[in-house]
Amino acid sequence: MEVVAQAADGEGPSALLIFGGEADPGQQLARLALAAGFRVTVVCCRPALLERATARGWHAVACDVTDREAVAQVFADCGASRPAVVAILGGSLQVNAAGNIHVIEAALAAGAGRFILTTSIGCGDSAPAVDPLVRAIAGRALRAKGWAEQRLHQTALDWTIIRAGGLVRRPPTGTALLTASSMAAGHITLADLGEMLFLALDSPRTIRCTLAAVDRRQAGNIDGSPLLPAEL
C-alpha cells in the first residue's frame, strides 16, 4: 500500500502528532507515517525516552499529558492548521483518563483533522469480551479509558477508536486485523498494533468507528460468530 499524506489544503505533507510515540506501537506508526510523507512529531510522555526518539532522527518533544497547558502548547508549537493526532497513552489512571481527555480537548481547540484514540478491549460495549478475572484486575484502568472514549464521542473530530487486545512484546506477526466486532477477544503484538493504527489513520472508512485490533491467529469472538475484518 502506497500512501502519500496531504495537508487539508492539498499542499505538502500533513502533520501528525503521536502522543505516547515513544512506545513500541508509536515507533512503528512513526516509521510508517514518515515513509508515507507525514511530518511526524513524536510526543514522549516519558521524558527518559526522549533521547531514544531523537537518536532515531525523529522530531520529538516531551510532554506531561496530565498538564492541560503543556498539551495545548504541543499543538501551538506544531504550527499546523489541521494536524492528525494519534494517542497511545497508558499507565496511571490519571493518564488513561485526564491525559487522553486533555489531548482530545486540545485537538478540538486546535482544529485537528483525524484523531485516533487507542484504548483496550474491555472498554464500553466490549466489556463482555474480557475475562471476569482480568476485568477485576484492570477494571479501573478500563473505566478510565472508557471515559476518554465517551469524551471523544462528544466531539466533532474525525475520530476513530482502536481497542487493542492483550499486548505482547514479540516480533510482528503480520496477521493482525481490525474488526468492528465488540465481542472480539485476543492478543496483538506491540509492533502490529502500530501498523493497525496506521491503517486506521489512512482509511476514511474508519472515521467515527470503534474497532478492535487483534491477531487473527490468536483471537475470536466470544459469542462464537466468525471474526471478520473491518472494511478499510
Protein backbone atom coordinates (compact mmCIF):
# COMPACT_ATOMS: atom_id res chain seq x y z
CA MET A 1 0.00 0.00 0.00
CA GLU A 2 1.43 3.37 -1.06
CA VAL A 3 0.10 6.35 0.84
CA VAL A 4 1.07 10.00 0.44
CA ALA A 5 -0.12 12.27 3.24
CA GLN A 6 -1.54 15.61 2.15
CA ALA A 7 -2.50 18.60 4.24
CA ALA A 8 -6.10 19.73 4.30
CA ASP A 9 -5.31 22.44 1.71
CA GLY A 10 -3.63 19.87 -0.53
CA GLU A 11 -0.23 21.49 -0.18
CA GLY A 12 2.63 19.39 1.16
CA PRO A 13 2.67 16.63 3.73
CA SER A 14 0.30 16.85 6.67
CA ALA A 15 1.37 16.98 10.30
CA LEU A 16 0.93 14.03 12.63
CA LEU A 17 1.26 14.23 16.41
CA ILE A 18 1.78 10.86 18.12
CA PHE A 19 1.16 11.17 21.85
CA GLY A 20 2.89 8.26 23.55
CA GLY A 21 5.00 7.85 20.44
CA GLU A 22 8.00 6.62 22.42
CA ALA A 23 6.27 3.26 22.98
CA ASP A 24 6.75 0.39 20.51
CA PRO A 25 3.39 0.91 18.71
CA GLY A 26 4.20 4.60 18.35
CA GLN A 27 7.62 3.87 16.91
CA GLN A 28 6.15 1.55 14.29
CA LEU A 29 3.46 4.11 13.48
CA ALA A 30 6.09 6.85 13.17
CA ARG A 31 8.14 4.78 10.72
CA LEU A 32 5.13 4.09 8.52
CA ALA A 33 3.84 7.65 8.67
CA LEU A 34 7.21 9.16 7.82
CA ALA A 35 7.51 6.83 4.83
CA ALA A 36 4.05 7.99 3.72
CA GLY A 37 5.06 11.64 3.82
CA PHE A 38 3.66 12.84 7.13
CA ARG A 39 5.53 15.46 9.13
CA VAL A 40 5.67 13.49 12.36
CA THR A 41 6.14 14.79 15.88
CA VAL A 42 6.72 12.05 18.44
CA VAL A 43 5.32 13.33 21.73
CA CYS A 44 7.09 11.49 24.52
CA CYS A 45 5.11 11.16 27.72
CA ARG A 46 8.08 9.52 29.42
CA PRO A 47 10.89 12.11 29.21
CA ALA A 48 13.52 9.44 29.87
CA LEU A 49 12.78 8.03 26.41
CA LEU A 50 13.01 11.35 24.58
CA GLU A 51 16.68 10.81 23.78
CA ARG A 52 15.93 7.44 22.20
CA ALA A 53 13.38 9.03 19.90
CA THR A 54 15.63 11.90 18.86
CA ALA A 55 18.50 9.46 18.29
CA ARG A 56 16.41 7.93 15.52
CA GLY A 57 16.37 11.29 13.79
CA TRP A 58 12.73 11.95 14.63
CA HIS A 59 11.28 15.27 15.71
CA ALA A 60 10.40 14.53 19.31
CA VAL A 61 9.19 16.57 22.26
CA ALA A 62 8.43 15.74 25.88
CA CYS A 63 5.00 16.42 27.36
CA ASP A 64 3.25 15.69 30.63
CA VAL A 65 -0.21 14.86 29.30
CA THR A 66 -1.73 15.33 32.76
CA ASP A 67 -0.86 19.04 32.38
CA ARG A 68 -3.57 20.62 30.22
CA GLU A 69 -1.44 23.67 29.31
CA ALA A 70 1.55 21.52 28.33
CA VAL A 71 -0.63 19.54 25.92
CA ALA A 72 -2.06 22.71 24.39
CA GLN A 73 1.49 24.01 23.90
CA VAL A 74 2.40 20.93 21.82
CA PHE A 75 -0.37 21.85 19.38
CA ALA A 76 0.66 25.50 19.35
CA ASP A 77 4.26 24.58 18.59
CA CYS A 78 3.16 22.19 15.84
CA GLY A 79 2.14 25.13 13.66
CA ALA A 80 -0.22 23.03 11.51
CA SER A 81 -3.79 24.13 10.88
CA ARG A 82 -5.33 20.64 10.88
CA PRO A 83 -2.87 18.15 12.38
CA ALA A 84 -3.72 14.48 12.58
CA VAL A 85 -3.43 13.05 16.09
CA VAL A 86 -2.87 9.56 17.46
CA ALA A 87 -3.00 8.99 21.22
CA ILE A 88 -1.33 5.82 22.53
CA LEU A 89 -1.43 6.55 26.23
CA GLY A 90 -1.43 4.23 29.19
CA GLY A 91 -0.08 3.69 32.65
CA SER A 92 -1.69 5.54 35.51
CA LEU A 93 -5.41 6.13 35.85
CA GLN A 94 -4.72 9.85 35.51
CA VAL A 95 -3.01 9.34 32.15
CA ASN A 96 -5.73 6.97 30.92
CA ALA A 97 -8.50 9.42 31.75
CA ALA A 98 -7.30 13.02 32.18
CA GLY A 99 -4.29 12.60 29.88
CA ASN A 100 -6.33 11.29 26.98
CA ILE A 101 -9.07 13.86 27.59
CA HIS A 102 -6.55 16.71 27.63
CA VAL A 103 -5.24 15.56 24.24
CA ILE A 104 -8.77 15.28 22.86
CA GLU A 105 -9.76 18.75 24.05
CA ALA A 106 -6.54 20.35 22.83
CA ALA A 107 -7.00 18.70 19.43
CA LEU A 108 -10.55 20.03 19.28
CA ALA A 109 -9.40 23.54 20.17
CA ALA A 110 -6.62 23.38 17.57
CA GLY A 111 -8.99 22.31 14.79
CA ALA A 112 -7.37 18.91 14.33
CA GLY A 113 -8.48 16.66 11.50
CA ARG A 114 -8.14 12.93 12.12
CA PHE A 115 -7.95 11.68 15.70
CA ILE A 116 -7.12 8.08 16.62
CA LEU A 117 -7.62 7.10 20.26
CA THR A 118 -6.08 3.85 21.45
CA THR A 119 -7.89 2.12 24.31
CA SER A 120 -8.41 -1.53 25.21
CA ILE A 121 -10.79 -4.38 24.58
CA GLY A 122 -12.97 -4.35 27.67
CA CYS A 123 -13.95 -0.69 27.35
CA GLY A 124 -17.54 0.29 26.69
CA ASP A 125 -19.68 -2.29 24.93
CA SER A 126 -16.71 -4.67 24.64
CA ALA A 127 -16.75 -5.33 28.41
CA PRO A 128 -18.17 -8.88 27.96
CA ALA A 129 -15.12 -9.79 25.82
CA VAL A 130 -12.81 -9.58 28.85
CA ASP A 131 -12.42 -12.45 31.29
CA PRO A 132 -14.01 -11.57 34.67
CA LEU A 133 -10.67 -12.07 36.44
CA VAL A 134 -8.93 -9.68 34.06
CA ARG A 135 -11.76 -7.20 34.47
CA ALA A 136 -11.42 -7.41 38.25
CA ILE A 137 -7.72 -6.56 37.98
CA ALA A 138 -7.85 -3.99 35.20
CA GLY A 139 -11.35 -2.65 35.75
CA ARG A 140 -10.33 0.80 36.97
CA ALA A 141 -7.99 1.32 34.00
CA LEU A 142 -10.69 0.18 31.57
CA ARG A 143 -13.19 2.59 33.11
CA ALA A 144 -10.67 5.44 32.86
CA LYS A 145 -10.08 4.71 29.18
CA GLY A 146 -13.85 4.43 28.73
CA TRP A 147 -14.26 7.99 29.99
CA ALA A 148 -11.84 9.14 27.30
CA GLU A 149 -13.87 7.25 24.69
CA GLN A 150 -17.03 8.99 25.88
CA ARG A 151 -15.41 12.42 25.66
CA LEU A 152 -14.25 11.72 22.12
CA HIS A 153 -17.77 10.67 21.11
CA GLN A 154 -18.98 14.14 22.12
CA THR A 155 -16.67 15.93 19.68
CA ALA A 156 -16.94 16.79 16.00
CA LEU A 157 -13.46 15.39 15.32
CA ASP A 158 -12.99 12.77 12.60
CA TRP A 159 -12.29 10.20 15.28
CA THR A 160 -11.55 6.50 15.33
CA ILE A 161 -11.23 4.39 18.47
CA ILE A 162 -8.91 1.39 18.35
CA ARG A 163 -9.40 -1.05 21.21
CA ALA A 164 -6.26 -3.14 21.46
CA GLY A 165 -6.26 -6.76 22.51
CA GLY A 166 -3.83 -8.01 25.12
CA LEU A 167 -0.43 -6.56 24.24
CA VAL A 168 2.54 -8.89 23.83
CA ARG A 169 6.18 -7.97 23.27
CA ARG A 170 7.05 -10.30 20.39
CA PRO A 171 8.19 -9.86 16.80
CA PRO A 172 5.41 -8.62 14.50
CA THR A 173 3.31 -11.41 13.03
CA GLY A 174 1.81 -9.69 10.01
CA THR A 175 -1.51 -11.40 10.81
CA ALA A 176 -3.17 -8.61 12.79
CA LEU A 177 -6.54 -7.22 11.81
CA LEU A 178 -9.05 -4.55 12.69
CA THR A 179 -12.59 -5.74 13.32
CA ALA A 180 -15.83 -3.92 14.06
CA SER A 181 -16.92 -6.68 16.42
CA SER A 182 -17.37 -5.65 20.06
CA MET A 183 -17.17 -9.33 21.01
CA ALA A 184 -13.58 -9.85 19.78
CA ALA A 185 -11.05 -11.11 22.30
CA GLY A 186 -7.38 -11.92 21.79
CA HIS A 187 -3.86 -10.57 21.71
CA ILE A 188 -1.72 -8.42 19.44
CA THR A 189 1.99 -7.61 19.31
CA LEU A 190 3.06 -4.06 20.03
CA ALA A 191 4.52 -3.58 16.55
CA ASP A 192 1.41 -4.96 14.86
CA LEU A 193 -0.71 -2.53 16.85
CA GLY A 194 1.35 0.32 15.37
CA GLU A 195 0.58 -0.96 11.89
CA MET A 196 -3.14 -1.17 12.68
CA LEU A 197 -3.10 2.41 13.90
CA PHE A 198 -1.57 3.50 10.61
CA LEU A 199 -4.20 1.59 8.64
CA ALA A 200 -6.95 3.28 10.64
CA LEU A 201 -5.35 6.69 10.15
CA ASP A 202 -5.15 6.14 6.40
CA SER A 203 -8.70 4.86 5.85
CA PRO A 204 -11.63 7.31 5.73
CA ARG A 205 -13.90 4.29 6.25
CA THR A 206 -12.78 4.13 9.87
CA ILE A 207 -13.99 7.64 10.70
CA ARG A 208 -16.42 7.56 13.65
CA CYS A 209 -15.87 3.84 14.06
CA THR A 210 -14.80 1.83 17.09
CA LEU A 211 -12.64 -1.14 16.10
CA ALA A 212 -10.75 -3.88 17.90
CA ALA A 213 -7.14 -4.70 16.98
CA VAL A 214 -6.14 -8.35 17.41
CA ASP A 215 -4.01 -11.07 15.85
CA ARG A 216 -6.37 -13.22 13.80
CA ARG A 217 -4.40 -16.34 14.77
CA GLN A 218 -4.91 -15.68 18.48
CA ALA A 219 -8.38 -14.18 18.57
CA GLY A 220 -12.05 -14.91 18.16
CA ASN A 221 -15.49 -13.63 19.00
CA ILE A 222 -16.64 -14.78 22.42
CA ASP A 223 -20.12 -15.49 21.05
CA GLY A 224 -18.67 -17.98 18.55
CA SER A 225 -19.50 -15.92 15.47
CA PRO A 226 -16.88 -15.52 12.73
CA LEU A 227 -14.22 -12.88 13.33
CA LEU A 228 -14.46 -10.65 10.26
CA PRO A 229 -12.04 -7.88 9.30
CA ALA A 230 -13.36 -4.35 9.06
CA GLU A 231 -13.78 -2.88 5.60
CA LEU A 232 -10.99 -0.36 5.16
